Amino acid sequence: MGDSSQFMDNEKVLYQFSNALAYFWQCRVKELFPDKKIVVELGNELMGELGLCITMYEACTQSLGSLLAGIKRMHRKIFIYK
């Protein structure tokens, strides 16, 4: 077995392992949720985390324009009912 700490300092090995994890996460997510657009993202300091991170989230399927139109409709309804 021995001391494996030297491998943990090798950024190339860590990055390759992280890419493999992200790949298999993406494959599994597609299998579990075929109708959803799930993004698996690998990067440094994502969303306030420190160092190399892997995160996943569901991508927004609405366009910004339709989202803003929906907010305006809700805003109008609030003023109508007040």
Protein backbone atom coordinates (compact mmCIF):
# COMPACT_ATOMS: atom_id res chain seq x y z
CA MET A 1 0.00 0.00 0.00
CA GLY A 2 2.41 2.68 1.16
CA ASP A 3 2.06 6.42 1.32
CA SER A 4 -0.33 7.70 -1.36
CA SER A 5 -0.18 11.39 -0.34
CA GLN A 6 2.11 12.16 -3.27
CA PHE A 7 -0.77 11.36 -5.63
CA MET A 8 -3.08 13.78 -3.85
CA ASP A 9 -0.64 16.59 -4.59
CA ASN A 10 -0.63 15.83 -8.30
CA GLU A 11 -3.17 18.24 -9.78
CA LYS A 12 -3.18 16.46 -13.14
CA VAL A 13 -4.28 13.18 -11.52
CA LEU A 14 -6.94 14.95 -9.43
CA TYR A 15 -8.28 16.78 -12.48
CA GLN A 16 -8.46 13.56 -14.52
CA PHE A 17 -10.24 11.78 -11.66
CA SER A 18 -12.67 14.72 -11.32
CA ASN A 19 -13.43 14.57 -15.04
CA ALA A 20 -14.17 10.85 -14.73
CA LEU A 21 -16.51 11.50 -11.78
CA ALA A 22 -18.32 14.29 -13.64
CA TYR A 23 -18.69 12.06 -16.72
CA PHE A 24 -20.23 9.20 -14.74
CA TRP A 25 -22.48 11.58 -12.77
CA GLN A 26 -23.76 12.97 -16.09
CA CYS A 27 -24.37 9.46 -17.45
CA ARG A 28 -26.30 8.45 -14.31
CA VAL A 29 -28.37 11.63 -14.26
CA LYS A 30 -29.35 11.12 -17.91
CA GLU A 31 -30.40 7.58 -17.03
CA LEU A 32 -32.46 8.63 -13.99
CA PHE A 33 -33.97 11.83 -15.44
CA PRO A 34 -34.06 11.54 -19.25
CA ASP A 35 -36.60 14.36 -19.66
CA LYS A 36 -34.71 16.91 -17.57
CA LYS A 37 -31.78 19.08 -18.59
CA ILE A 38 -29.33 18.41 -15.75
CA VAL A 39 -25.93 20.11 -15.96
CA VAL A 40 -22.90 18.55 -14.26
CA GLU A 41 -20.23 21.21 -13.94
CA LEU A 42 -16.58 20.85 -12.97
CA GLY A 43 -14.57 23.91 -12.01
CA ASN A 44 -12.58 25.81 -9.44
CA GLU A 45 -14.36 27.70 -6.68
CA LEU A 46 -17.86 27.12 -8.03
CA MET A 47 -20.65 28.82 -6.10
CA GLY A 48 -18.34 29.91 -3.27
CA GLU A 49 -16.69 26.51 -2.70
CA LEU A 50 -12.93 26.29 -2.33
CA GLY A 51 -10.77 24.43 -4.84
CA LEU A 52 -11.85 21.97 -7.50
CA CYS A 53 -15.58 21.18 -7.30
CA ILE A 54 -18.24 19.19 -9.10
CA THR A 55 -21.82 20.43 -8.94
CA MET A 56 -25.03 19.59 -10.72
CA TYR A 57 -28.20 21.55 -11.28
CA GLU A 58 -31.26 21.58 -13.48
CA ALA A 59 -30.91 24.06 -16.31
CA CYS A 60 -33.66 26.61 -16.75
CA THR A 61 -35.76 25.73 -19.78
CA GLN A 62 -37.54 29.08 -19.96
CA SER A 63 -36.09 31.94 -21.91
CA LEU A 64 -35.32 35.12 -20.02
CA GLY A 65 -38.00 36.99 -21.99
CA SER A 66 -40.79 34.58 -21.08
CA LEU A 67 -39.63 34.52 -17.46
CA LEU A 68 -39.76 38.33 -17.26
CA ALA A 69 -43.18 38.37 -18.94
CA GLY A 70 -44.46 35.96 -16.29
CA ILE A 71 -43.09 38.15 -13.51
CA LYS A 72 -44.79 41.22 -15.03
CA ARG A 73 -48.12 39.35 -15.19
CA MET A 74 -47.78 38.34 -11.53
CA HIS A 75 -46.87 41.91 -10.60
CA ARG A 76 -49.98 43.25 -12.34
CA LYS A 77 -52.20 40.71 -10.56
CA ILE A 78 -50.81 41.76 -7.17
CA PHE A 79 -51.76 45.40 -7.80
CA ILE A 80 -55.19 44.46 -9.14
CA TYR A 81 -56.03 42.47 -6.02
CA LYS A 82 -54.76 45.01 -3.48
